[in-house]
Amino acid sequence: MYWQDKYILRDTIEYEIKFAGKYGARGEKRGKKKKATPETIKKQNQANRLKKMRRTLQLNFDKGDLWVTLKYPKGTRKSIKDFEKDIRNFHSTMRRRYKAYGQEYKFAERHEVGALGGLHMHILLPRIPNINTTDVIQSAWKHGQANFEPCDGRYGDLAAYIVKEPTEEVEKQLSLFPKEERGKLVRYSTSRNLIRPEPERKEYSRRTVRKLILDGIKPSRGYYVEEDSIVIGINPYTGMSFIHYTERMVKDG
């Protein structure tokens, strides 16, 4: 038996096909297994966080939405308590303003301490149609400069930044803050109203990944398979094969 998890992400569909259980399907030869190390588990967990965040961003944000950095003037040293208060006030103001324009307020954010100790936040926000959204955001952040970059659709890059592990330089700056509060600085979160990527799961008992590979991947109607998205391999910890690939919608014209 194997599982097929299908993620519908607007104009793309992602497939993850893998064996369920311990033994796989008839005709499937198990590869050699190896024991997972703590470092390997950590890397896999990080890869899963990245994949989940990328899919979440793709479901909820569009090209042209705004990647914003909220900063304080150079040399400002805020306490964690005051930093969190400023962020709460910013969100409260933004919710009211988006509501006034008839728009849903949603976000994905990353709190950070810079290599020189400055606290700041990166946040992805939807652009308000027919409104200068940068002015709306800047006026809501009353503590310094807000920098803006338009989202170009590379959700993987944004997701990697949001969920990244702190560097050695950042770790040094974190050590200057009370230990029990450090987790509040280098962290990420999203608004509760974001659509979450949930797969459509199907179970198959007779087909095998081997047969799928030999027959070739046939895209859904109206889609094509992105050739560079096809990943075929053997999970080194279960010994069972898998295949991942992405379909993209064919656009008219």
C-alpha atoms as a PDB file:
ATOM      1  CA  MET A   1       0.000   0.000   0.000  1.00  0.00           C
ATOM      2  CA  TYR A   2       1.144   3.547  -0.612  1.00  0.00           C
ATOM      3  CA  TRP A   3      -0.130   7.040   0.073  1.00  0.00           C
ATOM      4  CA  GLN A   4      -0.532   9.842  -2.401  1.00  0.00           C
ATOM      5  CA  ASP A   5      -0.743  13.267  -0.791  1.00  0.00           C
ATOM      6  CA  LYS A   6      -2.004  15.945  -3.174  1.00  0.00           C
ATOM      7  CA  TYR A   7      -1.591  19.639  -2.290  1.00  0.00           C
ATOM      8  CA  ILE A   8      -3.607  22.072  -4.413  1.00  0.00           C
ATOM      9  CA  LEU A   9      -1.809  25.425  -4.243  1.00  0.00           C
ATOM     10  CA  ARG A  10      -3.666  27.804  -6.525  1.00  0.00           C
ATOM     11  CA  ASP A  11      -2.023  27.335  -9.948  1.00  0.00           C
ATOM     12  CA  THR A  12       0.140  24.384  -8.932  1.00  0.00           C
ATOM     13  CA  ILE A  13      -0.491  20.903  -7.561  1.00  0.00           C
ATOM     14  CA  GLU A  14       2.177  19.096  -5.561  1.00  0.00           C
ATOM     15  CA  TYR A  15       2.256  15.319  -5.175  1.00  0.00           C
ATOM     16  CA  GLU A  16       4.070  13.268  -2.557  1.00  0.00           C
ATOM     17  CA  ILE A  17       3.842   9.522  -3.085  1.00  0.00           C
ATOM     18  CA  LYS A  18       5.333   7.199  -0.490  1.00  0.00           C
ATOM     19  CA  PHE A  19       4.820   3.778   0.969  1.00  0.00           C
ATOM     20  CA  ALA A  20       2.656   3.303   4.038  1.00  0.00           C
ATOM     21  CA  GLY A  21       3.491   0.821   6.762  1.00  0.00           C
ATOM     22  CA  LYS A  22       6.612  -1.286   7.192  1.00  0.00           C
ATOM     23  CA  TYR A  23       6.702  -3.499   4.150  1.00  0.00           C
ATOM     24  CA  GLY A  24       5.641  -1.591   1.040  1.00  0.00           C
ATOM     25  CA  ALA A  25       3.911  -3.152  -1.933  1.00  0.00           C
ATOM     26  CA  ARG A  26       4.380  -6.333  -3.922  1.00  0.00           C
ATOM     27  CA  GLY A  27       7.261  -6.005  -6.331  1.00  0.00           C
ATOM     28  CA  GLU A  28       8.863  -3.167  -4.374  1.00  0.00           C
ATOM     29  CA  LYS A  29      12.417  -3.923  -3.330  1.00  0.00           C
ATOM     30  CA  ARG A  30      13.383  -2.391  -0.023  1.00  0.00           C
ATOM     31  CA  GLY A  31      16.633  -0.446   0.045  1.00  0.00           C
ATOM     32  CA  LYS A  32      19.197  -0.527   2.813  1.00  0.00           C
ATOM     33  CA  LYS A  33      18.118   1.339   5.935  1.00  0.00           C
ATOM     34  CA  LYS A  34      20.198   3.429   8.317  1.00  0.00           C
ATOM     35  CA  LYS A  35      19.584   4.886  11.753  1.00  0.00           C
ATOM     36  CA  ALA A  36      18.602   8.537  11.960  1.00  0.00           C
ATOM     37  CA  THR A  37      20.952  10.757  13.994  1.00  0.00           C
ATOM     38  CA  PRO A  38      19.813  13.760  16.083  1.00  0.00           C
ATOM     39  CA  GLU A  39      21.409  16.076  13.502  1.00  0.00           C
ATOM     40  CA  THR A  40      19.575  14.339  10.671  1.00  0.00           C
ATOM     41  CA  ILE A  41      16.259  14.571  12.532  1.00  0.00           C
ATOM     42  CA  LYS A  42      16.889  18.283  13.147  1.00  0.00           C
ATOM     43  CA  LYS A  43      17.544  18.879   9.446  1.00  0.00           C
ATOM     44  CA  GLN A  44      14.436  16.935   8.456  1.00  0.00           C
ATOM     45  CA  ASN A  45      12.272  18.882  10.902  1.00  0.00           C
ATOM     46  CA  GLN A  46      13.637  22.143   9.499  1.00  0.00           C
ATOM     47  CA  ALA A  47      12.948  20.965   5.938  1.00  0.00           C
ATOM     48  CA  ASN A  48       9.368  20.132   6.941  1.00  0.00           C
ATOM     49  CA  ARG A  49       8.904  23.578   8.514  1.00  0.00           C
ATOM     50  CA  LEU A  50      10.197  25.207   5.349  1.00  0.00           C
ATOM     51  CA  LYS A  51       7.900  23.163   3.104  1.00  0.00           C
ATOM     52  CA  LYS A  52       4.847  23.908   5.256  1.00  0.00           C
ATOM     53  CA  MET A  53       5.608  27.638   5.358  1.00  0.00           C
ATOM     54  CA  ARG A  54       6.210  27.813   1.594  1.00  0.00           C
ATOM     55  CA  ARG A  55       2.864  26.183   0.885  1.00  0.00           C
ATOM     56  CA  THR A  56       1.118  28.464   3.384  1.00  0.00           C
ATOM     57  CA  LEU A  57       2.547  31.585   1.751  1.00  0.00           C
ATOM     58  CA  GLN A  58       1.639  30.333  -1.705  1.00  0.00           C
ATOM     59  CA  LEU A  59      -1.968  29.754  -0.643  1.00  0.00           C
ATOM     60  CA  ASN A  60      -2.421  33.134   1.017  1.00  0.00           C
ATOM     61  CA  PHE A  61      -0.297  35.770  -0.720  1.00  0.00           C
ATOM     62  CA  ASP A  62       0.113  37.093  -4.257  1.00  0.00           C
ATOM     63  CA  LYS A  63       2.799  38.671  -6.376  1.00  0.00           C
ATOM     64  CA  GLY A  64       2.927  42.362  -5.508  1.00  0.00           C
ATOM     65  CA  ASP A  65       2.140  41.840  -1.834  1.00  0.00           C
ATOM     66  CA  LEU A  66       4.664  43.468   0.490  1.00  0.00           C
ATOM     67  CA  TRP A  67       7.659  42.065   2.355  1.00  0.00           C
ATOM     68  CA  VAL A  68       8.176  44.690   5.044  1.00  0.00           C
ATOM     69  CA  THR A  69      10.996  45.305   7.514  1.00  0.00           C
ATOM     70  CA  LEU A  70      10.025  47.335  10.582  1.00  0.00           C
ATOM     71  CA  LYS A  71      13.085  48.915  12.187  1.00  0.00           C
ATOM     72  CA  TYR A  72      14.050  51.348  14.925  1.00  0.00           C
ATOM     73  CA  PRO A  73      16.485  54.238  14.448  1.00  0.00           C
ATOM     74  CA  LYS A  74      20.150  53.197  14.489  1.00  0.00           C
ATOM     75  CA  GLY A  75      21.474  52.685  18.002  1.00  0.00           C
ATOM     76  CA  THR A  76      18.028  52.122  19.574  1.00  0.00           C
ATOM     77  CA  ARG A  77      18.070  49.383  22.203  1.00  0.00           C
ATOM     78  CA  LYS A  78      14.597  48.230  23.158  1.00  0.00           C
ATOM     79  CA  SER A  79      13.688  45.764  25.879  1.00  0.00           C
ATOM     80  CA  ILE A  80      11.894  42.636  24.755  1.00  0.00           C
ATOM     81  CA  LYS A  81       8.797  43.773  26.632  1.00  0.00           C
ATOM     82  CA  ASP A  82       8.700  47.132  24.846  1.00  0.00           C
ATOM     83  CA  PHE A  83       9.440  45.502  21.475  1.00  0.00           C
ATOM     84  CA  GLU A  84       6.492  43.127  21.879  1.00  0.00           C
ATOM     85  CA  LYS A  85       4.242  46.019  22.922  1.00  0.00           C
ATOM     86  CA  ASP A  86       5.205  47.980  19.804  1.00  0.00           C
ATOM     87  CA  ILE A  87       4.424  44.955  17.617  1.00  0.00           C
ATOM     88  CA  ARG A  88       1.032  44.408  19.280  1.00  0.00           C
ATOM     89  CA  ASN A  89       0.119  48.059  18.761  1.00  0.00           C
ATOM     90  CA  PHE A  90       1.196  47.851  15.118  1.00  0.00           C
ATOM     91  CA  HIS A  91      -1.026  44.822  14.501  1.00  0.00           C
ATOM     92  CA  SER A  92      -3.954  46.451  16.269  1.00  0.00           C
ATOM     93  CA  THR A  93      -3.677  49.581  14.126  1.00  0.00           C
ATOM     94  CA  MET A  94      -3.280  47.571  10.923  1.00  0.00           C
ATOM     95  CA  ARG A  95      -6.347  45.427  11.634  1.00  0.00           C
ATOM     96  CA  ARG A  96      -8.479  48.547  12.018  1.00  0.00           C
ATOM     97  CA  ARG A  97      -7.128  50.113   8.839  1.00  0.00           C
ATOM     98  CA  TYR A  98      -7.515  47.020   6.687  1.00  0.00           C
ATOM     99  CA  LYS A  99     -11.061  46.607   7.984  1.00  0.00           C
ATOM    100  CA  ALA A 100     -11.824  50.224   7.082  1.00  0.00           C
ATOM    101  CA  TYR A 101     -10.757  49.445   3.511  1.00  0.00           C
ATOM    102  CA  GLY A 102     -12.857  46.268   3.446  1.00  0.00           C
ATOM    103  CA  GLN A 103      -9.775  44.012   3.392  1.00  0.00           C
ATOM    104  CA  GLU A 104      -8.838  41.037   5.520  1.00  0.00           C
ATOM    105  CA  TYR A 105      -5.710  41.593   7.591  1.00  0.00           C
ATOM    106  CA  LYS A 106      -3.368  38.619   7.505  1.00  0.00           C
ATOM    107  CA  PHE A 107       0.362  38.156   7.857  1.00  0.00           C
ATOM    108  CA  ALA A 108       3.417  35.956   8.252  1.00  0.00           C
ATOM    109  CA  GLU A 109       6.149  37.462  10.418  1.00  0.00           C
ATOM    110  CA  ARG A 110       9.656  36.899  11.708  1.00  0.00           C
ATOM    111  CA  HIS A 111      11.025  38.607  14.845  1.00  0.00           C
ATOM    112  CA  GLU A 112      14.772  39.102  14.848  1.00  0.00           C
ATOM    113  CA  VAL A 113      17.737  40.592  16.626  1.00  0.00           C
ATOM    114  CA  GLY A 114      20.391  41.837  14.216  1.00  0.00           C
ATOM    115  CA  ALA A 115      24.103  41.035  14.264  1.00  0.00           C
ATOM    116  CA  LEU A 116      24.656  44.357  16.092  1.00  0.00           C
ATOM    117  CA  GLY A 117      21.819  43.847  18.580  1.00  0.00           C
ATOM    118  CA  GLY A 118      19.032  45.841  16.964  1.00  0.00           C
ATOM    119  CA  LEU A 119      15.511  44.416  17.262  1.00  0.00           C
ATOM    120  CA  HIS A 120      13.364  44.395  14.144  1.00  0.00           C
ATOM    121  CA  MET A 121      10.591  42.471  12.429  1.00  0.00           C
ATOM    122  CA  HIS A 122      10.023  41.174   8.894  1.00  0.00           C
ATOM    123  CA  ILE A 123       6.403  40.726   7.885  1.00  0.00           C
ATOM    124  CA  LEU A 124       4.601  39.720   4.703  1.00  0.00           C
ATOM    125  CA  LEU A 125       1.371  41.685   4.187  1.00  0.00           C
ATOM    126  CA  PRO A 126      -1.268  41.751   1.446  1.00  0.00           C
ATOM    127  CA  ARG A 127      -1.435  44.855  -0.700  1.00  0.00           C
ATOM    128  CA  ILE A 128      -4.712  46.806  -0.456  1.00  0.00           C
ATOM    129  CA  PRO A 129      -6.182  47.300  -3.966  1.00  0.00           C
ATOM    130  CA  ASN A 130      -6.181  50.886  -5.267  1.00  0.00           C
ATOM    131  CA  ILE A 131      -4.532  52.178  -2.069  1.00  0.00           C
ATOM    132  CA  ASN A 132      -0.930  53.213  -1.389  1.00  0.00           C
ATOM    133  CA  THR A 133      -0.394  50.372   1.082  1.00  0.00           C
ATOM    134  CA  THR A 134       3.162  51.441   1.910  1.00  0.00           C
ATOM    135  CA  ASP A 135       1.826  54.712   3.360  1.00  0.00           C
ATOM    136  CA  VAL A 136      -0.725  52.794   5.423  1.00  0.00           C
ATOM    137  CA  ILE A 137       2.001  50.557   6.856  1.00  0.00           C
ATOM    138  CA  GLN A 138       4.561  53.301   7.482  1.00  0.00           C
ATOM    139  CA  SER A 139       2.052  55.473   9.348  1.00  0.00           C
ATOM    140  CA  ALA A 140       1.126  52.501  11.550  1.00  0.00           C
ATOM    141  CA  TRP A 141       4.776  51.917  12.533  1.00  0.00           C
ATOM    142  CA  LYS A 142       5.522  54.936  14.690  1.00  0.00           C
ATOM    143  CA  HIS A 143       9.013  53.935  15.841  1.00  0.00           C
ATOM    144  CA  GLY A 144      11.231  54.278  12.807  1.00  0.00           C
ATOM    145  CA  GLN A 145      11.631  53.332   9.174  1.00  0.00           C
ATOM    146  CA  ALA A 146       9.632  50.683   7.336  1.00  0.00           C
ATOM    147  CA  ASN A 147      11.369  49.186   4.291  1.00  0.00           C
ATOM    148  CA  PHE A 148       9.398  47.531   1.481  1.00  0.00           C
ATOM    149  CA  GLU A 149      10.007  44.909  -1.184  1.00  0.00           C
ATOM    150  CA  PRO A 150       7.262  43.572  -3.483  1.00  0.00           C
ATOM    151  CA  CYS A 151       6.689  39.833  -3.363  1.00  0.00           C
ATOM    152  CA  ASP A 152       7.882  38.355  -6.663  1.00  0.00           C
ATOM    153  CA  GLY A 153       6.315  34.917  -6.230  1.00  0.00           C
ATOM    154  CA  ARG A 154       9.444  33.182  -4.945  1.00  0.00           C
ATOM    155  CA  TYR A 155       7.650  31.848  -1.895  1.00  0.00           C
ATOM    156  CA  GLY A 156      10.407  29.357  -1.171  1.00  0.00           C
ATOM    157  CA  ASP A 157      12.916  32.166  -0.594  1.00  0.00           C
ATOM    158  CA  LEU A 158      10.552  34.034   1.733  1.00  0.00           C
ATOM    159  CA  ALA A 159       9.692  30.851   3.624  1.00  0.00           C
ATOM    160  CA  ALA A 160      13.390  30.001   4.047  1.00  0.00           C
ATOM    161  CA  TYR A 161      14.013  33.415   5.584  1.00  0.00           C
ATOM    162  CA  ILE A 162      11.021  33.220   7.909  1.00  0.00           C
ATOM    163  CA  VAL A 163      11.873  29.793   9.360  1.00  0.00           C
ATOM    164  CA  LYS A 164      15.698  30.040   9.224  1.00  0.00           C
ATOM    165  CA  GLU A 165      17.912  29.118  12.158  1.00  0.00           C
ATOM    166  CA  PRO A 166      19.830  32.000  13.846  1.00  0.00           C
ATOM    167  CA  THR A 167      23.462  32.573  12.814  1.00  0.00           C
ATOM    168  CA  GLU A 168      26.405  32.588  15.223  1.00  0.00           C
ATOM    169  CA  GLU A 169      26.403  36.406  15.236  1.00  0.00           C
ATOM    170  CA  VAL A 170      22.733  36.468  16.184  1.00  0.00           C
ATOM    171  CA  GLU A 171      23.298  33.847  18.892  1.00  0.00           C
ATOM    172  CA  LYS A 172      25.942  36.138  20.428  1.00  0.00           C
ATOM    173  CA  GLN A 173      23.465  39.022  20.540  1.00  0.00           C
ATOM    174  CA  LEU A 174      20.789  36.772  22.015  1.00  0.00           C
ATOM    175  CA  SER A 175      23.108  35.922  24.897  1.00  0.00           C
ATOM    176  CA  LEU A 176      22.843  39.557  26.032  1.00  0.00           C
ATOM    177  CA  PHE A 177      19.131  39.139  26.747  1.00  0.00           C
ATOM    178  CA  PRO A 178      17.581  37.241  29.688  1.00  0.00           C
ATOM    179  CA  LYS A 179      17.645  33.520  28.916  1.00  0.00           C
ATOM    180  CA  GLU A 180      13.944  32.977  29.560  1.00  0.00           C
ATOM    181  CA  GLU A 181      13.013  35.690  27.016  1.00  0.00           C
ATOM    182  CA  ARG A 182      15.313  34.825  24.109  1.00  0.00           C
ATOM    183  CA  GLY A 183      12.732  32.618  22.422  1.00  0.00           C
ATOM    184  CA  LYS A 184      10.481  35.656  21.995  1.00  0.00           C
ATOM    185  CA  LEU A 185      13.055  37.334  19.769  1.00  0.00           C
ATOM    186  CA  VAL A 186      14.123  34.867  17.094  1.00  0.00           C
ATOM    187  CA  ARG A 187      10.763  33.347  16.219  1.00  0.00           C
ATOM    188  CA  TYR A 188       8.144  33.335  13.507  1.00  0.00           C
ATOM    189  CA  SER A 189       4.364  33.232  13.449  1.00  0.00           C
ATOM    190  CA  THR A 190       1.359  33.739  11.204  1.00  0.00           C
ATOM    191  CA  SER A 191      -2.111  35.152  11.674  1.00  0.00           C
ATOM    192  CA  ARG A 192      -4.750  32.577  12.527  1.00  0.00           C
ATOM    193  CA  ASN A 193      -6.874  33.363   9.488  1.00  0.00           C
ATOM    194  CA  LEU A 194      -4.398  31.969   6.953  1.00  0.00           C
ATOM    195  CA  ILE A 195      -5.487  28.985   4.875  1.00  0.00           C
ATOM    196  CA  ARG A 196      -3.400  25.970   5.909  1.00  0.00           C
ATOM    197  CA  PRO A 197      -2.043  23.480   3.364  1.00  0.00           C
ATOM    198  CA  GLU A 198      -3.903  20.223   3.925  1.00  0.00           C
ATOM    199  CA  PRO A 199      -3.416  17.334   1.506  1.00  0.00           C
ATOM    200  CA  GLU A 200      -6.010  15.238  -0.230  1.00  0.00           C
ATOM    201  CA  ARG A 201      -4.854  11.736   0.661  1.00  0.00           C
ATOM    202  CA  LYS A 202      -5.530   8.597  -1.338  1.00  0.00           C
ATOM    203  CA  GLU A 203      -4.394   5.068  -0.568  1.00  0.00           C
ATOM    204  CA  TYR A 204      -3.485   2.553  -3.258  1.00  0.00           C
ATOM    205  CA  SER A 205      -2.803  -1.130  -2.787  1.00  0.00           C
ATOM    206  CA  ARG A 206      -1.824  -2.510  -6.216  1.00  0.00           C
ATOM    207  CA  ARG A 207       0.239   0.075  -7.997  1.00  0.00           C
ATOM    208  CA  THR A 208       3.843   0.684  -7.051  1.00  0.00           C
ATOM    209  CA  VAL A 209       6.200   3.606  -7.402  1.00  0.00           C
ATOM    210  CA  ARG A 210       8.227   1.437  -9.735  1.00  0.00           C
ATOM    211  CA  LYS A 211       5.246   1.067 -12.079  1.00  0.00           C
ATOM    212  CA  LEU A 212       4.598   4.800 -11.950  1.00  0.00           C
ATOM    213  CA  ILE A 213       8.201   5.493 -12.918  1.00  0.00           C
ATOM    214  CA  LEU A 214       8.148   2.978 -15.774  1.00  0.00           C
ATOM    215  CA  ASP A 215       4.817   4.196 -17.160  1.00  0.00           C
ATOM    216  CA  GLY A 216       5.745   7.855 -16.781  1.00  0.00           C
ATOM    217  CA  ILE A 217       3.955  10.633 -14.935  1.00  0.00           C
ATOM    218  CA  LYS A 218       0.771  11.732 -16.643  1.00  0.00           C
ATOM    219  CA  PRO A 219      -0.338  15.265 -15.688  1.00  0.00           C
ATOM    220  CA  SER A 220      -3.884  16.214 -14.788  1.00  0.00           C
ATOM    221  CA  ARG A 221      -5.998  17.805 -17.483  1.00  0.00           C
ATOM    222  CA  GLY A 222      -5.082  21.465 -17.910  1.00  0.00           C
ATOM    223  CA  TYR A 223      -1.707  21.034 -16.202  1.00  0.00           C
ATOM    224  CA  TYR A 224       1.844  20.096 -17.159  1.00  0.00           C
ATOM    225  CA  VAL A 225       4.531  18.458 -15.047  1.00  0.00           C
ATOM    226  CA  GLU A 226       7.490  20.647 -14.114  1.00  0.00           C
ATOM    227  CA  GLU A 227      10.359  18.379 -15.088  1.00  0.00           C
ATOM    228  CA  ASP A 228      12.823  19.855 -12.605  1.00  0.00           C
ATOM    229  CA  SER A 229      10.365  19.215  -9.759  1.00  0.00           C
ATOM    230  CA  ILE A 230      10.492  15.418 -10.127  1.00  0.00           C
ATOM    231  CA  VAL A 231      12.345  13.793  -7.238  1.00  0.00           C
ATOM    232  CA  ILE A 232      12.613  10.004  -7.136  1.00  0.00           C
ATOM    233  CA  GLY A 233      14.526   8.201  -4.438  1.00  0.00           C
ATOM    234  CA  ILE A 234      14.665   5.862  -1.501  1.00  0.00           C
ATOM    235  CA  ASN A 235      14.089   7.051   2.039  1.00  0.00           C
ATOM    236  CA  PRO A 236      17.357   6.071   3.773  1.00  0.00           C
ATOM    237  CA  TYR A 237      15.582   5.528   7.104  1.00  0.00           C
ATOM    238  CA  THR A 238      12.698   3.339   5.918  1.00  0.00           C
ATOM    239  CA  GLY A 239      14.370   1.834   2.857  1.00  0.00           C
ATOM    240  CA  MET A 240      11.222   2.445   0.795  1.00  0.00           C
ATOM    241  CA  SER A 241      11.003   4.448  -2.432  1.00  0.00           C
ATOM    242  CA  PHE A 242       9.132   7.703  -2.984  1.00  0.00           C
ATOM    243  CA  ILE A 243       8.379  10.188  -5.710  1.00  0.00           C
ATOM    244  CA  HIS A 244       7.568  13.900  -5.486  1.00  0.00           C
ATOM    245  CA  TYR A 245       6.586  16.198  -8.334  1.00  0.00           C
ATOM    246  CA  THR A 246       4.683  19.386  -9.163  1.00  0.00           C
ATOM    247  CA  GLU A 247       2.117  20.176 -11.839  1.00  0.00           C
ATOM    248  CA  ARG A 248       1.543  23.727 -13.042  1.00  0.00           C
ATOM    249  CA  MET A 249      -1.628  25.044 -14.645  1.00  0.00           C
ATOM    250  CA  VAL A 250      -1.482  25.712 -18.370  1.00  0.00           C
ATOM    251  CA  LYS A 251      -2.308  29.373 -18.920  1.00  0.00           C
ATOM    252  CA  ASP A 252      -4.328  30.434 -21.945  1.00  0.00           C
ATOM    253  CA  GLY A 253      -2.346  32.336 -24.525  1.00  0.00           C
END
